[in-house]
Amino acid sequence: MYLEPEDARGLLATLAAQSAPGSLLIAHNVTEEFLAAVDEGVVESYPPFSWDLVKTWTFGLPADPGRLLAAAGWNVKEATTRAAIAREIFGGQATDLEGCADFETLVWSPRDRAVLFVVATKP
């Protein structure tokens, strides 16, 4: 079972309250946009995860998670996508990256918008 949105926000706040100044929070989470697409039936699979598992996900990060994390006591230092990470690692244009990774390499394609990688600090 996955956390409901209010429980996820509470967990983030508890982590901040228990963390020393300068602590890092590193997160990988699906996005609100992805969960909305699942609810609307636009997305019907998300390999390698089973569809039964995907349908249990209830909390997604907004495209810009800064406000949500600030409310929980964190300062976002970076929020990025798989494609942006691939471009940073491999360099080149998006079309040059096909086959370099086993995930979406086109920045802000629908599949790339499914997850965010976030680094935040405790002030």
Foldseek 3Di string as FASTA:
>chain_A
DDDAAVVVLVVLLVCLVPDDFFDKDKDKFFAPVQLVCVVVVVDQDDPPDDSVVVPVDHDHAYPDNQVSNVVSQKGWPDKAWPLVVQCVVVPDDQVVCVPVDPARNHPPDVRRNGMIITMIGHD
